[in-house]
Every structure is written in structure tokens, then in C-alpha cells.
């Protein structure tokens, strides 16, 4: 029996030596994480939107990175948010511009098309962008003065997934910019979101299982004179094999968005919403789904191709292999100890 077990262990090590070692070492980032990688997400509008098909974005003036944008917006009060009505497509792009040691520089760019502030004026295209400093040792974004913003939400480290009660955005960052807030934290991490359903995005179709992260906050005071507030909810869905965000549900706030001044979004992908309505009407919603938030639109990350069936996640396969290896070693050790 012992010979059979040892033979199996040797065979297992020959077949999966490198990944097992990698899983023991726990690399800081995924293999795809390198300079030049980009992820673009979109919330699309139909060609001829109906009346009322508009996305609402609340921005906090003190956080808007480009001051010339404030001149375009017009008069604003530092004690409250500015409401932007977006009638066109929205594109959010994250690009890893450089990695030096334990520091990565991530450029965040948000493009809003056909935007109207409260004043009623129309801006054909509004661009907000900023470069964030990502410390790879703790996977947290920082400002230049060392203020922590939050951990990346448009991709996750598979070896260190978010946990319940982790901050979605750090209180120190919100306090620095005069935002009065309750703790905005992760409330749930699950692997059963849309179980057995194909997920359609603008980039490609994804197969389950998925990683689902739900973050919430009790309030976010947006008018310091009246005390009016927002409820915060953010729902994020990740690819199991890469940790890349593939879609969002409600997406009120993330570190990437708040760094651009976005403190609340009442927004939907209207194109996907119409497709979802048709899917439900046709009785197919039990097998496939169109998410209605930010959907992956373009990227140069290479996703594994499993065809029509999704095999177990690559990192998960190595985890199970390692667990089996430990179990076998324990069995052999106990058997030898018992015989002695």
C-alpha cells in the first residue's frame, strides 16, 4: 500500500510541480499583471435612447482631478456634490503603466459622452483621469502623501481575496477630502452568483463559477448643510481564473471611481438592460444573463479557453492538488508511525 501511495505522490509531483510550488509561494500578483495591460469597461446607451434613459453621476468637487473640468461644469458649492446627467456611453479604462519593485502605477481614465450638469449645458465629451500608486506588498492604492485609498476593485489577487468587513474605501481618504461617511465595507464574498448561467459581456461570454463581492455603507453625506445622504451599494463579479472584473451590478463606489471624484452612481448599461428584458421574455434567464452595470468591453488579458464547459479554476485545481498531496503525506507518516 505504501509503495502505491508513494508512486502516486511522485506522479503527482511530476505532473504539477511548478503550479504547486507557485501556490506555496503565493505570488503577489496574477501572471497577467504586468506593464501595458489594460482593462476597459463600458456602460452603453442605445443609438436612439428614449426619454428618461439617462445615467446619473454624483461627483465631489474636491476630488475631481482636473480643475479645468470644474470650469466646464460651472458654479459649484464645496459643501455638496455636483450632479452630472450622462446621455451617452461611458468608458472606464485601467492601464498598468509601469511596475517598479513593489510599486505599480495604474492609470484610471473615465470617458463620459453627452453630459449635462444641473445648469442644463451639454458637454460632448468629459474625460476624468488620474494615476494611482498600487503597493504590491499589501495590494492597496495610495496617494503620493501616503494616504491609503483602498484595494483594487477592478481586479483581485486570487491568493488574497477580499474578506468580510474589509474596507471598500478607506476612512482616512474620505476624511481627507471632507466626506462624512459611515464605514463602507465588504459585506459578502460568494462563489454562487448566477450559478450555472453564462454571462454575456461586451467583450466575450464567460462561464461559471464566478467570484461575487458585495460592498455596502450605511450613508455618505453629500450635502453638509442639510445632512442629506446616500446609501452605498457595490456589486462586483470576477472571473474565477484570472481575478479580472468582468461585470458589475450596482456600482456606487470603488477606490478607482472615487479617486476621480465619483461618490455615487445611479447608472445602468441600457443596451444590456434591453437584451436582458428580451431574455426574460423568452424564458431563457435560467441559463444565461446580461449584467446591467459596467461590462468588460476590451482588454489584452488572455483568458483561458474552456470551450462551452468551464473546468475548475486553474488556481483551485492546484489548491486541491496540494491539499491531496498533504493528505497523502500525512497518511504515509501516520502509517509508518503506527507500525513502529
Protein backbone atom coordinates (compact mmCIF):
# COMPACT_ATOMS: atom_id res chain seq x y z
CA UNK A 1 0.00 0.00 0.00
CA UNK A 2 2.81 2.37 0.94
CA UNK A 3 4.52 1.82 -2.40
CA UNK A 4 1.28 2.65 -4.25
CA UNK A 5 0.85 5.87 -2.28
CA UNK A 6 4.46 6.93 -2.82
CA UNK A 7 4.21 6.18 -6.53
CA UNK A 8 1.11 8.33 -6.74
CA UNK A 9 2.85 11.19 -4.93
CA UNK A 10 5.81 11.06 -7.30
CA UNK A 11 3.49 11.04 -10.31
CA UNK A 12 1.55 13.99 -8.92
CA UNK A 13 4.73 15.99 -8.39
CA UNK A 14 5.91 15.22 -11.92
CA UNK A 15 2.61 16.32 -13.46
CA UNK A 16 2.05 19.50 -11.42
CA UNK A 17 5.40 20.59 -9.99
CA UNK A 18 5.56 24.23 -10.98
CA UNK A 19 1.99 25.34 -10.14
CA UNK A 20 2.13 23.65 -6.73
CA UNK A 21 5.34 25.45 -5.90
CA UNK A 22 3.76 28.69 -7.09
CA UNK A 23 0.73 28.16 -4.88
CA UNK A 24 3.01 27.59 -1.87
CA UNK A 25 4.97 30.75 -2.62
CA UNK A 26 1.76 32.78 -3.13
CA UNK A 27 2.86 35.26 -5.80
CA UNK A 28 1.87 38.87 -5.07
CA UNK A 29 0.04 39.33 -8.35
CA UNK A 30 -1.53 37.20 -11.08
CA UNK A 31 0.65 36.09 -14.04
CA UNK A 32 -1.15 38.51 -16.36
CA UNK A 33 -0.34 41.53 -14.17
CA UNK A 34 2.42 43.44 -15.99
CA UNK A 35 3.13 46.78 -17.62
CA UNK A 36 0.99 47.54 -20.65
CA UNK A 37 -2.02 45.51 -19.54
CA UNK A 38 -5.34 47.35 -19.80
CA UNK A 39 -8.98 46.72 -18.94
CA UNK A 40 -11.79 48.76 -20.49
CA UNK A 41 -15.37 48.67 -19.19
CA UNK A 42 -18.46 50.22 -20.74
CA UNK A 43 -21.99 51.24 -19.91
CA UNK A 44 -23.63 51.55 -23.31
CA UNK A 45 -26.62 53.61 -24.44
CA UNK A 46 -28.89 52.64 -27.37
CA UNK A 47 -28.45 54.54 -30.64
CA UNK A 48 -31.75 56.34 -30.08
CA UNK A 49 -32.33 56.46 -26.32
CA UNK A 50 -35.85 57.01 -25.06
CA UNK A 51 -36.82 59.89 -22.81
CA UNK A 52 -35.69 59.15 -19.31
CA UNK A 53 -32.84 56.83 -20.37
CA UNK A 54 -30.11 58.70 -18.57
CA UNK A 55 -27.39 57.83 -16.08
CA UNK A 56 -26.86 59.99 -13.01
CA UNK A 57 -23.42 60.53 -11.52
CA UNK A 58 -22.68 62.47 -8.34
CA UNK A 59 -19.17 63.94 -8.13
CA UNK A 60 -17.44 65.51 -5.15
CA UNK A 61 -15.72 68.68 -6.46
CA UNK A 62 -12.70 68.47 -4.15
CA UNK A 63 -11.81 65.06 -5.63
CA UNK A 64 -12.11 65.92 -9.34
CA UNK A 65 -8.51 65.63 -10.60
CA UNK A 66 -8.63 68.25 -13.37
CA UNK A 67 -9.60 71.72 -12.17
CA UNK A 68 -10.45 72.84 -15.72
CA UNK A 69 -13.32 70.35 -15.58
CA UNK A 70 -14.86 72.43 -12.79
CA UNK A 71 -14.82 75.48 -15.06
CA UNK A 72 -16.73 73.49 -17.67
CA UNK A 73 -19.26 72.34 -15.07
CA UNK A 74 -19.84 75.88 -13.88
CA UNK A 75 -20.70 77.15 -10.42
CA UNK A 76 -20.44 74.62 -7.63
CA UNK A 77 -20.69 74.57 -3.86
CA UNK A 78 -17.91 72.87 -1.90
CA UNK A 79 -20.45 71.62 0.64
CA UNK A 80 -22.39 69.38 -1.77
CA UNK A 81 -21.95 67.11 -4.77
CA UNK A 82 -22.39 68.10 -8.42
CA UNK A 83 -24.93 66.06 -10.38
CA UNK A 84 -23.98 65.02 -13.92
CA UNK A 85 -26.60 63.60 -16.29
CA UNK A 86 -24.96 61.27 -18.83
CA UNK A 87 -26.96 60.58 -22.00
CA UNK A 88 -24.22 58.76 -23.93
CA UNK A 89 -21.83 55.85 -23.49
CA UNK A 90 -19.43 55.66 -20.55
CA UNK A 91 -15.99 54.02 -20.78
CA UNK A 92 -13.70 53.28 -17.85
CA UNK A 93 -10.14 52.16 -18.61
CA UNK A 94 -7.48 50.93 -16.19
CA UNK A 95 -3.95 50.55 -17.53
CA UNK A 96 -0.83 49.32 -15.73
CA UNK A 97 1.67 51.88 -16.98
CA UNK A 98 4.75 50.80 -15.03
CA UNK A 99 5.93 48.41 -12.32
CA UNK A 100 9.00 49.23 -10.22
CA UNK A 101 9.82 46.80 -7.44
CA UNK A 102 6.78 46.57 -5.17
CA UNK A 103 5.08 49.59 -6.74
CA UNK A 104 2.74 49.56 -9.75
CA UNK A 105 1.34 52.68 -11.39
CA UNK A 106 -2.26 52.27 -12.56
CA UNK A 107 -3.79 54.92 -14.82
CA UNK A 108 -7.55 55.37 -14.40
CA UNK A 109 -9.49 57.13 -17.18
CA UNK A 110 -13.26 57.74 -17.35
CA UNK A 111 -14.87 58.99 -20.57
CA UNK A 112 -18.40 60.37 -20.35
CA UNK A 113 -20.29 61.23 -23.55
CA UNK A 114 -23.09 63.80 -23.86
CA UNK A 115 -23.01 65.11 -20.30
CA UNK A 116 -25.32 67.74 -18.83
CA UNK A 117 -24.66 69.37 -15.44
CA UNK A 118 -27.57 70.82 -13.48
CA UNK A 119 -27.19 74.10 -15.33
CA UNK A 120 -28.56 72.43 -18.48
CA UNK A 121 -25.46 72.94 -20.62
CA UNK A 122 -24.18 69.98 -22.64
CA UNK A 123 -20.60 68.71 -22.73
CA UNK A 124 -19.94 66.49 -25.76
CA UNK A 125 -17.15 64.55 -24.07
CA UNK A 126 -15.87 64.78 -20.50
CA UNK A 127 -12.65 62.99 -19.52
CA UNK A 128 -11.50 62.38 -15.95
CA UNK A 129 -8.18 60.63 -15.38
CA UNK A 130 -5.63 60.01 -12.67
CA UNK A 131 -2.67 57.71 -11.97
CA UNK A 132 -2.82 55.72 -8.72
CA UNK A 133 0.08 54.18 -6.81
CA UNK A 134 -0.54 50.49 -6.07
CA UNK A 135 1.62 48.96 -3.33
CA UNK A 136 2.00 45.30 -4.35
CA UNK A 137 3.05 44.19 -0.87
CA UNK A 138 -0.39 44.93 0.61
CA UNK A 139 -2.37 45.45 -2.66
CA UNK A 140 -3.68 48.88 -1.64
CA UNK A 141 -3.84 52.09 -3.69
CA UNK A 142 -2.10 55.10 -2.12
CA UNK A 143 -1.88 58.81 -2.82
CA UNK A 144 1.51 60.47 -3.14
CA UNK A 145 1.42 61.61 0.51
CA UNK A 146 0.81 58.05 1.73
CA UNK A 147 -2.95 58.29 2.27
CA UNK A 148 -4.49 54.84 1.59
CA UNK A 149 -7.43 54.87 -0.85
CA UNK A 150 -8.48 51.21 -0.96
CA UNK A 151 -7.64 47.87 -2.52
CA UNK A 152 -8.19 47.39 -6.29
CA UNK A 153 -11.77 46.51 -7.13
CA UNK A 154 -11.47 46.04 -10.90
CA UNK A 155 -9.22 43.04 -10.31
CA UNK A 156 -8.46 40.92 -7.25
CA UNK A 157 -5.48 38.93 -6.03
CA UNK A 158 -6.72 35.33 -6.13
CA UNK A 159 -4.34 34.36 -3.32
CA UNK A 160 -5.75 37.09 -1.05
CA UNK A 161 -9.41 37.69 -1.89
CA UNK A 162 -11.38 40.45 -0.15
CA UNK A 163 -12.85 39.43 3.18
CA UNK A 164 -15.96 40.44 5.04
CA UNK A 165 -15.54 43.80 6.82
CA UNK A 166 -12.55 44.83 4.68
CA UNK A 167 -12.81 48.49 3.73
CA UNK A 168 -14.09 49.20 0.22
CA UNK A 169 -12.72 52.74 0.55
CA UNK A 170 -10.50 53.74 3.49
CA UNK A 171 -11.98 56.22 6.01
CA UNK A 172 -8.71 58.22 6.04
CA UNK A 173 -9.11 59.02 2.33
CA UNK A 174 -12.75 60.09 2.67
CA UNK A 175 -11.97 62.22 5.74
CA UNK A 176 -9.08 63.91 3.92
CA UNK A 177 -11.50 65.27 1.31
CA UNK A 178 -14.24 66.24 3.74
CA UNK A 179 -16.62 63.35 3.02
CA UNK A 180 -18.60 62.37 6.11
CA UNK A 181 -19.27 58.65 5.91
CA UNK A 182 -20.05 55.52 7.81
CA UNK A 183 -17.70 52.59 7.21
CA UNK A 184 -18.03 51.39 3.61
CA UNK A 185 -17.01 47.73 3.75
CA UNK A 186 -17.22 44.33 2.08
CA UNK A 187 -20.34 42.51 3.30
CA UNK A 188 -20.20 39.27 1.33
CA UNK A 189 -17.86 37.17 -0.83
CA UNK A 190 -19.51 34.28 -2.68
CA UNK A 191 -18.89 31.71 -5.42
CA UNK A 192 -22.56 31.02 -6.18
CA UNK A 193 -23.60 34.20 -8.04
CA UNK A 194 -25.57 33.25 -11.18
CA UNK A 195 -24.61 29.62 -10.65
CA UNK A 196 -24.73 27.64 -13.93
CA UNK A 197 -25.52 30.76 -16.01
CA UNK A 198 -23.49 32.01 -18.97
CA UNK A 199 -22.67 35.69 -18.51
CA UNK A 200 -22.69 37.89 -21.62
CA UNK A 201 -20.42 40.95 -21.67
CA UNK A 202 -19.47 43.32 -24.49
CA UNK A 203 -16.08 41.57 -24.70
CA UNK A 204 -16.99 37.86 -24.57
CA UNK A 205 -19.16 35.26 -22.86
CA UNK A 206 -17.99 33.90 -19.52
CA UNK A 207 -18.77 30.57 -17.91
CA UNK A 208 -19.43 29.93 -14.19
CA UNK A 209 -18.29 29.75 -11.47
CA UNK A 210 -17.71 33.41 -10.64
CA UNK A 211 -16.39 35.31 -7.64
CA UNK A 212 -19.01 37.74 -6.31
CA UNK A 213 -18.14 40.60 -3.94
CA UNK A 214 -20.79 42.80 -2.31
CA UNK A 215 -19.86 46.06 -0.57
CA UNK A 216 -22.13 48.48 1.30
CA UNK A 217 -22.18 51.56 3.51
CA UNK A 218 -24.95 52.99 5.64
CA UNK A 219 -24.62 56.55 4.41
CA UNK A 220 -22.42 59.07 2.68
CA UNK A 221 -23.29 62.69 3.49
CA UNK A 222 -23.30 64.64 0.24
CA UNK A 223 -24.73 67.94 1.49
CA UNK A 224 -23.03 69.17 4.62
CA UNK A 225 -25.56 71.97 5.06
CA UNK A 226 -28.69 69.81 5.06
CA UNK A 227 -27.21 66.47 6.14
CA UNK A 228 -28.75 64.62 3.18
CA UNK A 229 -27.08 61.30 2.44
CA UNK A 230 -26.69 58.37 0.05
CA UNK A 231 -26.91 54.65 0.68
CA UNK A 232 -23.89 52.93 -0.89
CA UNK A 233 -24.04 49.57 -2.66
CA UNK A 234 -21.44 47.97 -4.93
CA UNK A 235 -21.70 44.52 -6.53
CA UNK A 236 -18.66 43.12 -8.36
CA UNK A 237 -18.28 39.89 -10.37
CA UNK A 238 -14.87 38.39 -11.19
CA UNK A 239 -13.50 35.71 -13.48
CA UNK A 240 -12.50 32.71 -11.36
CA UNK A 241 -9.26 32.02 -13.25
CA UNK A 242 -7.72 35.48 -13.55
CA UNK A 243 -9.34 37.62 -10.86
CA UNK A 244 -10.31 40.17 -13.51
CA UNK A 245 -13.59 42.02 -13.00
CA UNK A 246 -15.98 41.04 -15.77
CA UNK A 247 -19.11 42.96 -14.78
CA UNK A 248 -20.81 44.89 -12.02
CA UNK A 249 -24.34 45.06 -10.73
CA UNK A 250 -25.00 48.22 -8.78
CA UNK A 251 -21.70 50.11 -8.73
CA UNK A 252 -21.98 53.15 -6.48
CA UNK A 253 -18.38 53.45 -5.39
CA UNK A 254 -14.95 51.82 -5.79
CA UNK A 255 -11.47 53.17 -4.97
CA UNK A 256 -10.86 53.70 -8.69
CA UNK A 257 -14.07 55.69 -9.19
CA UNK A 258 -13.86 57.74 -6.01
CA UNK A 259 -10.29 58.75 -6.92
CA UNK A 260 -11.86 60.50 -9.94
CA UNK A 261 -14.47 62.22 -7.79
CA UNK A 262 -17.33 59.75 -8.33
CA UNK A 263 -19.09 59.20 -4.99
CA UNK A 264 -22.41 57.82 -6.24
CA UNK A 265 -23.72 56.31 -9.50
CA UNK A 266 -27.32 55.66 -10.47
CA UNK A 267 -26.42 54.05 -13.75
CA UNK A 268 -27.23 51.08 -16.00
CA UNK A 269 -25.91 49.62 -19.22
CA UNK A 270 -29.08 50.37 -21.20
CA UNK A 271 -28.07 48.15 -24.14
CA UNK A 272 -27.63 45.13 -21.88
CA UNK A 273 -30.80 46.01 -19.98
CA UNK A 274 -32.85 45.69 -23.17
CA UNK A 275 -31.15 42.38 -24.01
CA UNK A 276 -31.90 41.11 -20.51
CA UNK A 277 -35.57 42.08 -20.85
CA UNK A 278 -35.80 40.08 -24.10
CA UNK A 279 -34.03 37.14 -22.47
CA UNK A 280 -36.51 37.10 -19.60
CA UNK A 281 -39.47 37.38 -22.01
CA UNK A 282 -38.13 34.40 -23.97
CA UNK A 283 -37.81 32.32 -20.80
CA UNK A 284 -34.02 31.86 -21.13
CA UNK A 285 -32.92 33.70 -18.00
CA UNK A 286 -32.35 30.42 -16.15
CA UNK A 287 -29.36 29.61 -18.40
CA UNK A 288 -27.81 32.96 -19.33
CA UNK A 289 -27.64 36.56 -18.13
CA UNK A 290 -26.81 40.11 -19.20
CA UNK A 291 -25.41 42.19 -16.35
CA UNK A 292 -26.50 45.82 -16.26
CA UNK A 293 -23.52 47.63 -14.77
CA UNK A 294 -20.01 48.22 -16.08
CA UNK A 295 -19.30 45.37 -18.53
CA UNK A 296 -15.89 44.30 -19.79
CA UNK A 297 -15.53 45.87 -23.23
CA UNK A 298 -11.87 45.39 -24.26
CA UNK A 299 -8.64 44.03 -22.76
CA UNK A 300 -5.31 42.43 -23.64
CA UNK A 301 -5.51 39.97 -20.73
CA UNK A 302 -5.54 36.40 -22.04
CA UNK A 303 -8.35 34.33 -20.56
CA UNK A 304 -8.22 30.51 -20.53
CA UNK A 305 -10.41 28.97 -23.21
CA UNK A 306 -12.50 26.08 -21.95
CA UNK A 307 -14.94 26.00 -24.83
CA UNK A 308 -18.56 25.50 -23.83
CA UNK A 309 -17.71 23.91 -20.47
CA UNK A 310 -15.77 25.62 -17.74
CA UNK A 311 -13.32 23.35 -15.99
CA UNK A 312 -12.41 24.05 -12.37
CA UNK A 313 -10.46 27.24 -11.92
CA UNK A 314 -6.73 26.80 -12.54
CA UNK A 315 -5.70 28.16 -9.11
CA UNK A 316 -8.37 26.00 -7.50
CA UNK A 317 -7.10 22.87 -9.28
CA UNK A 318 -3.63 23.45 -7.85
CA UNK A 319 -5.07 24.08 -4.41
CA UNK A 320 -6.92 20.76 -4.48
CA UNK A 321 -3.80 19.01 -5.79
CA UNK A 322 -1.74 20.48 -2.98
CA UNK A 323 -4.39 19.52 -0.42
CA UNK A 324 -4.39 15.96 -1.77
CA UNK A 325 -0.60 15.85 -1.59
CA UNK A 326 -0.61 16.95 2.05
CA UNK A 327 -3.31 14.38 2.82
CA UNK A 328 -1.26 11.57 1.25
CA UNK A 329 1.92 12.59 3.09
CA UNK A 330 0.02 12.65 6.37
CA UNK A 331 -1.40 9.20 5.64
CA UNK A 332 2.05 7.70 4.93
CA UNK A 333 3.55 9.36 8.02
CA UNK A 334 0.74 8.07 10.27
CA UNK A 335 1.04 4.57 8.79
CA UNK A 336 4.77 4.44 9.49
CA UNK A 337 4.26 5.81 12.99
CA UNK A 338 1.58 3.21 13.73
CA UNK A 339 3.82 0.32 12.55
CA UNK A 340 6.61 1.49 14.81
